[in-house]
N, C-alpha and C. Protein backbone atom coordinates (compact mmCIF):
# COMPACT_ATOMS: atom_id res chain seq x y z
N MET A 1 210.41 94.72 61.53
CA MET A 1 208.99 94.82 61.24
C MET A 1 208.75 94.67 59.74
N ILE A 2 207.52 94.28 59.42
CA ILE A 2 207.17 94.16 58.01
C ILE A 2 206.92 95.54 57.41
N THR A 3 206.20 96.37 58.17
CA THR A 3 205.88 97.73 57.71
C THR A 3 206.60 98.74 58.60
N ALA A 4 207.53 99.48 58.02
CA ALA A 4 208.25 100.50 58.80
C ALA A 4 207.31 101.63 59.15
N ARG A 5 207.41 102.12 60.38
CA ARG A 5 206.59 103.25 60.82
C ARG A 5 207.23 103.85 62.07
N TYR A 6 206.73 104.99 62.51
CA TYR A 6 207.20 105.57 63.78
C TYR A 6 206.00 106.13 64.54
N TYR A 7 206.22 106.47 65.81
CA TYR A 7 205.15 106.90 66.72
C TYR A 7 204.06 105.83 66.82
N HIS A 8 204.49 104.57 66.70
CA HIS A 8 203.58 103.45 66.90
C HIS A 8 203.50 103.12 68.39
N SER A 9 202.69 102.15 68.72
CA SER A 9 202.57 101.67 70.10
C SER A 9 202.95 100.20 70.11
N SER A 10 203.47 99.73 71.24
CA SER A 10 203.88 98.32 71.30
C SER A 10 203.69 97.78 72.72
N VAL A 11 203.53 96.45 72.81
CA VAL A 11 203.37 95.81 74.11
C VAL A 11 203.75 94.34 73.97
N TYR A 12 204.23 93.76 75.08
CA TYR A 12 204.49 92.32 75.13
C TYR A 12 203.22 91.62 75.63
N HIS A 13 202.77 90.59 74.90
CA HIS A 13 201.52 89.92 75.25
C HIS A 13 201.56 88.48 74.77
N ASN A 14 201.45 87.53 75.70
CA ASN A 14 201.38 86.10 75.37
C ASN A 14 202.50 85.62 74.44
N GLY A 15 203.73 85.97 74.79
CA GLY A 15 204.87 85.48 74.03
C GLY A 15 205.15 86.21 72.74
N HIS A 16 204.45 87.31 72.51
CA HIS A 16 204.64 88.10 71.29
C HIS A 16 204.83 89.58 71.64
N ILE A 17 205.54 90.28 70.77
CA ILE A 17 205.58 91.74 70.84
C ILE A 17 204.67 92.26 69.73
N TYR A 18 203.66 93.02 70.15
CA TYR A 18 202.70 93.58 69.20
C TYR A 18 203.08 95.02 68.89
N VAL A 19 203.06 95.37 67.62
CA VAL A 19 203.33 96.73 67.16
C VAL A 19 202.07 97.23 66.46
N VAL A 20 201.57 98.37 66.93
CA VAL A 20 200.23 98.82 66.52
C VAL A 20 200.28 100.24 65.97
N GLY A 21 199.66 100.44 64.81
CA GLY A 21 199.50 101.78 64.25
C GLY A 21 200.81 102.47 63.98
N GLY A 22 200.79 103.80 64.07
CA GLY A 22 201.97 104.61 63.80
C GLY A 22 201.76 105.50 62.59
N ARG A 23 202.84 106.09 62.14
CA ARG A 23 202.75 107.01 61.00
C ARG A 23 203.92 106.84 60.05
N PHE A 24 203.66 107.17 58.78
CA PHE A 24 204.70 107.17 57.77
C PHE A 24 205.26 108.58 57.59
N SER A 25 204.42 109.57 57.92
CA SER A 25 204.82 110.98 57.85
C SER A 25 203.94 111.74 58.84
N GLU A 26 204.08 113.05 58.88
CA GLU A 26 203.30 113.84 59.83
C GLU A 26 201.81 113.79 59.55
N THR A 27 201.42 113.45 58.33
CA THR A 27 200.00 113.43 57.98
C THR A 27 199.51 112.08 57.45
N SER A 28 200.37 111.08 57.37
CA SER A 28 200.00 109.77 56.85
C SER A 28 200.14 108.72 57.95
N TYR A 29 199.00 108.16 58.39
CA TYR A 29 198.98 107.20 59.48
C TYR A 29 198.67 105.80 58.96
N THR A 30 198.89 104.79 59.80
CA THR A 30 198.64 103.41 59.40
C THR A 30 197.78 102.69 60.43
N ALA A 31 197.00 101.72 59.95
CA ALA A 31 196.20 100.86 60.82
C ALA A 31 196.85 99.48 60.97
N ALA A 32 198.04 99.32 60.43
CA ALA A 32 198.71 98.01 60.42
C ALA A 32 199.06 97.54 61.83
N VAL A 33 198.87 96.24 62.03
CA VAL A 33 199.21 95.59 63.30
C VAL A 33 200.07 94.37 62.99
N GLU A 34 201.19 94.24 63.70
CA GLU A 34 202.09 93.11 63.49
C GLU A 34 202.50 92.51 64.83
N ALA A 35 202.87 91.25 64.80
CA ALA A 35 203.29 90.56 66.02
C ALA A 35 204.58 89.80 65.77
N LEU A 36 205.52 89.94 66.68
CA LEU A 36 206.79 89.21 66.62
C LEU A 36 206.74 88.05 67.60
N ASN A 37 206.84 86.83 67.10
CA ASN A 37 206.89 85.64 67.94
C ASN A 37 208.28 85.57 68.57
N MET A 38 208.33 85.64 69.90
CA MET A 38 209.62 85.71 70.58
C MET A 38 210.40 84.39 70.52
N LYS A 39 209.70 83.29 70.26
CA LYS A 39 210.38 82.00 70.16
C LYS A 39 210.97 81.79 68.77
N THR A 40 210.17 82.06 67.76
CA THR A 40 210.63 81.81 66.39
C THR A 40 211.30 83.03 65.77
N GLN A 41 211.13 84.20 66.41
CA GLN A 41 211.67 85.46 65.90
C GLN A 41 211.11 85.80 64.51
N GLU A 42 209.86 85.40 64.29
CA GLU A 42 209.20 85.67 63.01
C GLU A 42 208.06 86.66 63.19
N TRP A 43 207.95 87.58 62.23
CA TRP A 43 206.87 88.56 62.24
C TRP A 43 205.68 88.01 61.46
N ARG A 44 204.47 88.39 61.87
CA ARG A 44 203.28 88.10 61.08
C ARG A 44 202.33 89.28 61.17
N GLU A 45 201.56 89.45 60.11
CA GLU A 45 200.57 90.52 60.07
C GLU A 45 199.28 90.07 60.72
N LEU A 46 198.66 90.95 61.48
CA LEU A 46 197.36 90.70 62.07
C LEU A 46 196.32 91.58 61.37
N PRO A 47 195.04 91.34 61.62
CA PRO A 47 194.03 92.22 61.03
C PRO A 47 194.29 93.69 61.40
N SER A 48 194.13 94.57 60.45
CA SER A 48 194.37 95.99 60.71
C SER A 48 193.31 96.55 61.66
N LEU A 49 193.65 97.62 62.32
CA LEU A 49 192.70 98.34 63.15
C LEU A 49 191.56 98.88 62.28
N PRO A 50 190.40 99.14 62.87
CA PRO A 50 189.29 99.72 62.09
C PRO A 50 189.64 101.08 61.49
N VAL A 51 190.54 101.81 62.13
CA VAL A 51 190.97 103.13 61.63
C VAL A 51 192.49 103.24 61.79
N ALA A 52 193.10 104.09 60.98
CA ALA A 52 194.53 104.35 61.13
C ALA A 52 194.75 105.20 62.38
N LEU A 53 195.72 104.81 63.20
CA LEU A 53 195.98 105.49 64.47
C LEU A 53 197.47 105.68 64.68
N THR A 54 197.82 106.77 65.31
CA THR A 54 199.18 106.99 65.79
C THR A 54 199.11 107.47 67.24
N ASP A 55 200.18 107.30 67.97
CA ASP A 55 200.26 107.75 69.37
C ASP A 55 199.16 107.14 70.24
N CYS A 56 198.75 105.92 69.94
CA CYS A 56 197.73 105.25 70.75
C CYS A 56 198.39 104.49 71.90
N PHE A 57 197.57 104.03 72.84
CA PHE A 57 198.05 103.20 73.95
C PHE A 57 197.73 101.74 73.63
N THR A 58 198.67 100.85 73.84
CA THR A 58 198.44 99.42 73.69
C THR A 58 198.76 98.75 75.02
N VAL A 59 197.80 97.98 75.55
CA VAL A 59 197.98 97.42 76.89
C VAL A 59 197.35 96.03 76.95
N SER A 60 197.97 95.15 77.73
CA SER A 60 197.47 93.80 77.94
C SER A 60 196.78 93.74 79.31
N VAL A 61 195.49 93.38 79.30
CA VAL A 61 194.71 93.30 80.54
C VAL A 61 193.92 92.00 80.54
N SER A 62 194.04 91.23 81.62
CA SER A 62 193.29 89.98 81.76
C SER A 62 193.42 89.09 80.53
N ASN A 63 194.64 88.97 80.03
CA ASN A 63 194.95 88.12 78.89
C ASN A 63 194.30 88.60 77.59
N ASN A 64 193.92 89.87 77.56
CA ASN A 64 193.36 90.47 76.35
C ASN A 64 194.17 91.69 75.95
N LEU A 65 194.14 91.98 74.66
CA LEU A 65 194.89 93.11 74.12
C LEU A 65 193.92 94.25 73.81
N TYR A 66 194.26 95.46 74.31
CA TYR A 66 193.41 96.63 74.10
C TYR A 66 194.21 97.75 73.45
N ILE A 67 193.54 98.46 72.55
CA ILE A 67 194.09 99.67 71.93
C ILE A 67 193.22 100.83 72.40
N VAL A 68 193.86 101.84 72.99
CA VAL A 68 193.12 102.93 73.63
C VAL A 68 193.57 104.28 73.08
N GLY A 69 192.60 105.09 72.68
CA GLY A 69 192.88 106.47 72.28
C GLY A 69 193.79 106.57 71.07
N GLY A 70 194.53 107.67 71.02
CA GLY A 70 195.45 107.92 69.91
C GLY A 70 194.98 109.08 69.05
N VAL A 71 195.65 109.26 67.93
CA VAL A 71 195.36 110.35 67.00
C VAL A 71 194.89 109.76 65.67
N GLU A 72 193.69 110.14 65.24
CA GLU A 72 193.14 109.66 63.97
C GLU A 72 193.51 110.58 62.81
N HIS A 73 193.54 111.87 63.07
CA HIS A 73 193.91 112.90 62.10
C HIS A 73 194.83 113.87 62.81
N PRO A 74 195.65 114.62 62.10
CA PRO A 74 196.56 115.55 62.77
C PRO A 74 195.86 116.41 63.81
N SER A 75 196.35 116.30 65.05
CA SER A 75 195.85 117.08 66.19
C SER A 75 194.44 116.73 66.62
N ILE A 76 193.87 115.62 66.13
CA ILE A 76 192.54 115.20 66.54
C ILE A 76 192.67 113.89 67.32
N TYR A 77 192.50 113.98 68.63
CA TYR A 77 192.65 112.81 69.50
C TYR A 77 191.31 112.09 69.64
N THR A 78 191.35 110.77 69.58
CA THR A 78 190.13 109.97 69.67
C THR A 78 189.95 109.39 71.07
N THR A 79 188.71 109.04 71.39
CA THR A 79 188.40 108.37 72.66
C THR A 79 188.12 106.88 72.42
N SER A 80 188.32 106.42 71.22
CA SER A 80 187.98 105.04 70.85
C SER A 80 188.81 104.01 71.62
N VAL A 81 188.19 102.84 71.83
CA VAL A 81 188.86 101.70 72.49
C VAL A 81 188.52 100.45 71.69
N TYR A 82 189.52 99.61 71.44
CA TYR A 82 189.31 98.35 70.72
C TYR A 82 189.95 97.20 71.48
N GLN A 83 189.27 96.05 71.43
CA GLN A 83 189.81 94.82 72.01
C GLN A 83 190.05 93.83 70.89
N TYR A 84 191.20 93.14 70.95
CA TYR A 84 191.50 92.14 69.93
C TYR A 84 190.87 90.81 70.31
N ASP A 85 190.03 90.28 69.44
CA ASP A 85 189.40 88.98 69.63
C ASP A 85 190.25 87.94 68.89
N ALA A 86 191.06 87.21 69.65
CA ALA A 86 191.98 86.25 69.03
C ALA A 86 191.24 85.10 68.35
N LEU A 87 190.08 84.69 68.89
CA LEU A 87 189.33 83.58 68.30
C LEU A 87 188.74 83.97 66.95
N GLN A 88 188.22 85.19 66.87
CA GLN A 88 187.63 85.67 65.62
C GLN A 88 188.65 86.37 64.73
N SER A 89 189.83 86.60 65.28
CA SER A 89 190.88 87.33 64.57
C SER A 89 190.35 88.67 64.04
N SER A 90 189.79 89.44 64.99
CA SER A 90 189.20 90.72 64.61
C SER A 90 189.25 91.69 65.80
N TRP A 91 189.01 92.95 65.50
CA TRP A 91 188.99 93.99 66.54
C TRP A 91 187.55 94.33 66.90
N ARG A 92 187.27 94.35 68.20
CA ARG A 92 185.91 94.64 68.69
C ARG A 92 185.90 96.00 69.37
N PRO A 93 184.98 96.90 68.98
CA PRO A 93 184.92 98.20 69.66
C PRO A 93 184.39 98.06 71.08
N CYS A 94 184.97 98.80 71.98
CA CYS A 94 184.52 98.84 73.38
C CYS A 94 183.96 100.24 73.68
N THR A 95 183.46 100.43 74.89
CA THR A 95 182.96 101.73 75.30
C THR A 95 184.09 102.76 75.23
N PRO A 96 183.87 103.89 74.56
CA PRO A 96 184.94 104.90 74.45
C PRO A 96 185.28 105.52 75.81
N MET A 97 186.45 106.11 75.88
CA MET A 97 186.85 106.86 77.08
C MET A 97 185.91 108.04 77.30
N PRO A 98 185.70 108.47 78.55
CA PRO A 98 184.87 109.65 78.81
C PRO A 98 185.45 110.92 78.22
N GLU A 99 186.77 110.96 78.06
CA GLU A 99 187.45 112.12 77.49
C GLU A 99 188.73 111.65 76.82
N ALA A 100 189.22 112.43 75.88
CA ALA A 100 190.51 112.11 75.25
C ALA A 100 191.63 112.39 76.26
N SER A 101 192.76 111.74 76.04
CA SER A 101 193.91 111.94 76.92
C SER A 101 195.16 112.22 76.08
N PRO A 102 195.22 113.42 75.49
CA PRO A 102 196.40 113.76 74.67
C PRO A 102 197.69 113.70 75.48
N GLU A 103 198.67 112.98 74.94
CA GLU A 103 200.00 112.90 75.53
C GLU A 103 199.98 112.29 76.93
N GLY A 104 199.00 111.40 77.16
CA GLY A 104 198.89 110.72 78.45
C GLY A 104 199.61 109.39 78.45
N SER A 105 199.17 108.50 79.34
CA SER A 105 199.81 107.20 79.52
C SER A 105 198.75 106.19 79.92
N CYS A 106 199.06 104.91 79.76
CA CYS A 106 198.09 103.86 80.06
C CYS A 106 198.80 102.66 80.68
N THR A 107 198.16 102.03 81.66
CA THR A 107 198.76 100.86 82.30
C THR A 107 197.67 99.91 82.79
N SER A 108 198.01 98.63 82.91
CA SER A 108 197.08 97.66 83.50
C SER A 108 197.33 97.59 85.01
N PHE A 109 196.26 97.32 85.74
CA PHE A 109 196.35 97.27 87.21
C PHE A 109 195.22 96.37 87.70
N HIS A 110 195.60 95.19 88.24
CA HIS A 110 194.62 94.26 88.84
C HIS A 110 193.44 93.98 87.90
N ASP A 111 193.76 93.58 86.68
CA ASP A 111 192.75 93.22 85.67
C ASP A 111 191.88 94.40 85.25
N LYS A 112 192.39 95.60 85.46
CA LYS A 112 191.71 96.80 85.01
C LYS A 112 192.71 97.64 84.22
N LEU A 113 192.21 98.70 83.62
CA LEU A 113 193.03 99.56 82.78
C LEU A 113 192.90 101.00 83.28
N PHE A 114 194.03 101.67 83.42
CA PHE A 114 194.03 103.07 83.85
C PHE A 114 194.68 103.93 82.77
N VAL A 115 194.05 105.06 82.46
CA VAL A 115 194.63 106.08 81.60
C VAL A 115 194.91 107.29 82.48
N VAL A 116 196.18 107.71 82.52
CA VAL A 116 196.57 108.77 83.45
C VAL A 116 197.47 109.80 82.77
N GLY A 117 197.48 111.02 83.33
CA GLY A 117 198.41 112.06 82.88
C GLY A 117 197.96 112.75 81.62
N GLY A 118 198.93 113.40 80.95
CA GLY A 118 198.67 114.11 79.72
C GLY A 118 198.18 115.53 79.93
N ILE A 119 197.83 116.17 78.81
CA ILE A 119 197.37 117.55 78.85
C ILE A 119 196.12 117.70 79.72
N SER A 120 195.24 116.70 79.69
CA SER A 120 193.99 116.75 80.46
C SER A 120 194.18 116.36 81.92
N LYS A 121 195.40 115.97 82.29
CA LYS A 121 195.65 115.44 83.64
C LYS A 121 194.61 114.35 83.97
N SER A 122 194.54 113.39 83.08
CA SER A 122 193.51 112.35 83.17
C SER A 122 193.78 111.36 84.29
N CYS A 123 192.71 110.79 84.79
CA CYS A 123 192.78 109.57 85.61
C CYS A 123 191.45 108.86 85.41
N MET A 124 191.48 107.86 84.54
CA MET A 124 190.26 107.13 84.17
C MET A 124 190.48 105.64 84.35
N LEU A 125 189.47 104.98 84.87
CA LEU A 125 189.51 103.54 85.12
C LEU A 125 188.56 102.83 84.16
N TYR A 126 189.09 101.81 83.46
CA TYR A 126 188.26 100.97 82.60
C TYR A 126 188.19 99.56 83.19
N GLU A 127 186.97 99.05 83.33
CA GLU A 127 186.76 97.70 83.84
C GLU A 127 186.26 96.82 82.69
N PRO A 128 187.12 95.97 82.16
CA PRO A 128 186.75 95.16 80.99
C PRO A 128 185.54 94.26 81.22
N ILE A 129 185.38 93.75 82.43
CA ILE A 129 184.31 92.79 82.69
C ILE A 129 182.93 93.39 82.50
N VAL A 130 182.81 94.71 82.71
CA VAL A 130 181.52 95.38 82.52
C VAL A 130 181.58 96.42 81.40
N ASP A 131 182.75 96.55 80.76
CA ASP A 131 182.94 97.47 79.64
C ASP A 131 182.49 98.89 80.00
N SER A 132 183.03 99.40 81.12
CA SER A 132 182.63 100.75 81.55
C SER A 132 183.82 101.53 82.09
N TRP A 133 183.70 102.86 82.02
CA TRP A 133 184.74 103.79 82.47
C TRP A 133 184.28 104.58 83.69
N THR A 134 185.25 104.96 84.53
CA THR A 134 184.98 105.82 85.68
C THR A 134 186.03 106.91 85.71
N LEU A 135 185.60 108.17 85.84
CA LEU A 135 186.53 109.29 86.02
C LEU A 135 186.94 109.37 87.48
N LEU A 136 188.24 109.51 87.72
CA LEU A 136 188.78 109.52 89.08
C LEU A 136 189.52 110.83 89.34
N GLN A 137 190.05 110.94 90.57
CA GLN A 137 190.80 112.14 90.95
C GLN A 137 191.98 112.36 90.00
N ARG A 138 192.15 113.59 89.54
CA ARG A 138 193.20 113.89 88.57
C ARG A 138 194.56 114.05 89.25
N PRO A 139 195.65 113.77 88.51
CA PRO A 139 197.00 114.00 89.07
C PRO A 139 197.20 115.48 89.43
N GLN A 140 198.20 115.72 90.27
CA GLN A 140 198.47 117.08 90.71
C GLN A 140 199.22 117.88 89.65
N LYS A 141 200.06 117.19 88.87
CA LYS A 141 200.89 117.88 87.89
C LYS A 141 200.51 117.47 86.47
N GLU A 142 200.84 118.32 85.53
CA GLU A 142 200.65 118.01 84.12
C GLU A 142 201.90 117.28 83.62
N ILE A 143 201.79 115.97 83.44
CA ILE A 143 202.91 115.15 82.99
C ILE A 143 202.62 114.69 81.57
N LEU A 144 203.37 115.23 80.61
CA LEU A 144 203.15 114.94 79.20
C LEU A 144 204.12 113.88 78.70
N TRP A 145 203.59 112.92 77.95
CA TRP A 145 204.39 111.83 77.40
C TRP A 145 205.14 111.06 78.50
N GLY A 146 204.54 111.01 79.70
CA GLY A 146 205.16 110.26 80.79
C GLY A 146 204.91 108.77 80.65
N VAL A 147 205.36 108.03 81.64
CA VAL A 147 205.16 106.59 81.65
C VAL A 147 204.47 106.22 82.96
N SER A 148 203.60 105.22 82.90
CA SER A 148 202.91 104.76 84.10
C SER A 148 203.09 103.26 84.26
N LEU A 149 203.09 102.81 85.50
CA LEU A 149 203.23 101.38 85.77
C LEU A 149 202.67 101.03 87.13
N ASP A 150 202.34 99.75 87.28
CA ASP A 150 201.85 99.18 88.54
C ASP A 150 203.06 98.89 89.43
N TRP A 151 203.05 99.48 90.63
CA TRP A 151 204.18 99.28 91.55
C TRP A 151 203.68 99.30 92.99
N ASN A 152 203.84 98.17 93.69
CA ASN A 152 203.45 98.06 95.11
C ASN A 152 202.00 98.48 95.35
N ASP A 153 201.09 97.98 94.52
CA ASP A 153 199.67 98.28 94.63
C ASP A 153 199.37 99.77 94.47
N ARG A 154 200.21 100.44 93.75
CA ARG A 154 200.01 101.83 93.40
C ARG A 154 200.28 102.00 91.91
N ILE A 155 199.80 103.10 91.34
CA ILE A 155 200.14 103.46 89.97
C ILE A 155 201.12 104.62 90.02
N ILE A 156 202.27 104.43 89.40
CA ILE A 156 203.32 105.44 89.39
C ILE A 156 203.31 106.13 88.03
N LEU A 157 203.34 107.46 88.05
CA LEU A 157 203.38 108.27 86.84
C LEU A 157 204.61 109.15 86.91
N LEU A 158 205.49 109.05 85.90
CA LEU A 158 206.77 109.76 86.00
C LEU A 158 207.32 110.10 84.63
N GLY A 159 208.32 110.96 84.67
CA GLY A 159 209.06 111.30 83.45
C GLY A 159 208.24 112.11 82.48
N GLY A 160 208.62 112.00 81.22
CA GLY A 160 207.93 112.73 80.18
C GLY A 160 208.64 114.01 79.79
N GLN A 161 207.91 114.86 79.12
CA GLN A 161 208.48 116.08 78.55
C GLN A 161 208.83 117.10 79.63
N ASP A 162 210.13 117.38 79.75
CA ASP A 162 210.64 118.41 80.67
C ASP A 162 210.15 118.21 82.10
N ASN A 163 210.06 116.96 82.53
CA ASN A 163 209.53 116.67 83.87
C ASN A 163 210.48 115.75 84.64
N ASP A 164 210.72 116.07 85.90
CA ASP A 164 211.54 115.20 86.75
C ASP A 164 210.76 114.69 87.96
N SER A 165 209.45 114.98 88.03
CA SER A 165 208.66 114.60 89.20
C SER A 165 208.10 113.20 89.06
N ILE A 166 207.72 112.61 90.18
CA ILE A 166 207.12 111.28 90.24
C ILE A 166 205.86 111.39 91.07
N GLU A 167 204.74 110.98 90.49
CA GLU A 167 203.47 110.98 91.23
C GLU A 167 203.00 109.56 91.46
N GLU A 168 202.27 109.37 92.54
CA GLU A 168 201.78 108.05 92.93
C GLU A 168 200.28 108.12 93.17
N TYR A 169 199.55 107.16 92.58
CA TYR A 169 198.10 107.11 92.76
C TYR A 169 197.72 105.89 93.58
N CYS A 170 196.88 106.09 94.59
CA CYS A 170 196.37 105.00 95.42
C CYS A 170 194.92 104.71 95.02
N PRO A 171 194.65 103.58 94.36
CA PRO A 171 193.28 103.27 93.94
C PRO A 171 192.32 103.10 95.12
N GLN A 172 192.83 102.66 96.26
CA GLN A 172 191.96 102.44 97.41
C GLN A 172 191.38 103.75 97.94
N SER A 173 192.20 104.80 97.98
CA SER A 173 191.75 106.09 98.52
C SER A 173 191.40 107.10 97.42
N ASN A 174 191.70 106.77 96.16
CA ASN A 174 191.47 107.67 95.04
C ASN A 174 192.20 109.00 95.25
N GLN A 175 193.46 108.90 95.67
CA GLN A 175 194.25 110.09 95.95
C GLN A 175 195.62 110.01 95.28
N TRP A 176 196.11 111.17 94.81
CA TRP A 176 197.45 111.29 94.26
C TRP A 176 198.38 111.94 95.27
N SER A 177 199.64 111.55 95.23
CA SER A 177 200.66 112.20 96.06
C SER A 177 201.94 112.31 95.24
N THR A 178 202.78 113.28 95.60
CA THR A 178 204.04 113.50 94.88
C THR A 178 205.21 113.01 95.72
N TRP A 179 206.09 112.24 95.10
CA TRP A 179 207.27 111.77 95.81
C TRP A 179 208.23 112.93 96.07
N HIS A 180 208.95 112.83 97.19
CA HIS A 180 210.03 113.79 97.44
C HIS A 180 211.19 113.52 96.49
N GLN A 181 211.41 112.22 96.21
CA GLN A 181 212.47 111.83 95.28
C GLN A 181 212.09 112.24 93.87
N LYS A 182 213.06 112.70 93.11
CA LYS A 182 212.83 113.08 91.73
C LYS A 182 213.73 112.28 90.80
N LEU A 183 213.44 112.33 89.52
CA LEU A 183 214.33 111.71 88.54
C LEU A 183 215.64 112.49 88.48
N PRO A 184 216.73 111.85 88.02
CA PRO A 184 218.03 112.55 88.00
C PRO A 184 217.99 113.89 87.27
N LYS A 185 217.21 113.97 86.20
CA LYS A 185 217.07 115.24 85.48
C LYS A 185 215.82 115.18 84.61
N PRO A 186 215.23 116.35 84.29
CA PRO A 186 214.06 116.36 83.40
C PRO A 186 214.43 115.79 82.03
N GLY A 187 213.51 115.06 81.46
CA GLY A 187 213.77 114.48 80.15
C GLY A 187 212.63 114.73 79.20
N THR A 188 212.85 114.47 77.94
CA THR A 188 211.80 114.62 76.94
C THR A 188 210.87 113.41 76.96
N LEU A 189 211.40 112.23 77.18
CA LEU A 189 210.63 111.00 77.33
C LEU A 189 211.38 110.09 78.27
N CYS A 190 210.71 109.06 78.78
CA CYS A 190 211.44 108.07 79.56
C CYS A 190 210.71 106.74 79.49
N PHE A 191 211.37 105.70 79.92
CA PHE A 191 210.79 104.36 79.95
C PHE A 191 210.99 103.79 81.35
N ALA A 192 210.08 102.94 81.77
CA ALA A 192 210.21 102.31 83.08
C ALA A 192 209.66 100.90 82.98
N ILE A 193 210.21 99.99 83.76
CA ILE A 193 209.75 98.61 83.76
C ILE A 193 209.77 98.08 85.18
N ASN A 194 208.74 97.32 85.52
CA ASN A 194 208.64 96.69 86.84
C ASN A 194 209.05 95.23 86.67
N MET A 195 210.18 94.85 87.26
CA MET A 195 210.71 93.50 87.10
C MET A 195 210.38 92.68 88.34
N HIS A 196 209.65 91.57 88.11
CA HIS A 196 209.28 90.70 89.22
C HIS A 196 210.31 89.58 89.35
N GLN A 197 210.64 89.25 90.61
CA GLN A 197 211.59 88.18 90.85
C GLN A 197 210.81 86.93 91.24
N TYR A 198 211.04 85.85 90.53
CA TYR A 198 210.31 84.60 90.83
C TYR A 198 211.27 83.57 91.37
């Protein structure tokens, strides 16, 4: 990376890995955004975020890049949402989340965006086409720093801080359920990836 940082957010989008925000120390945050071209292996700087953010969510939805939530000041979580306008090379503010989601997770699902888990046990749906949010049924468990992903037309929420449980959300019924299967052991954080076979 051009600018070293930690507690940043990252996502793969249109042949690039985007690295967004982060912190230099416990009280010094950055608005820097960089992209790594996977073909040329070259980094380039993009326009900075409107505000310095750490611990934000970065997600690709409907061929667009969104930055959701995060921390603007120590222990102050924001509800802000930004979309990257590639044509204008700028960040556009979107409708904020109905509530902050400290230590939650974010995933794309069928051209929509879901924020789930965290201290608030969030489950919020964002529809980019109408720029609006909907509050949905909350998860059964408090899963902090977990990971979420689209799997078999469901949203899976798992792992995180001292957690070995796996929860599944059905968008059609707006209901959560807990798997009988658990992770091998509770962890502080975890990562998950859904690999499609073509």
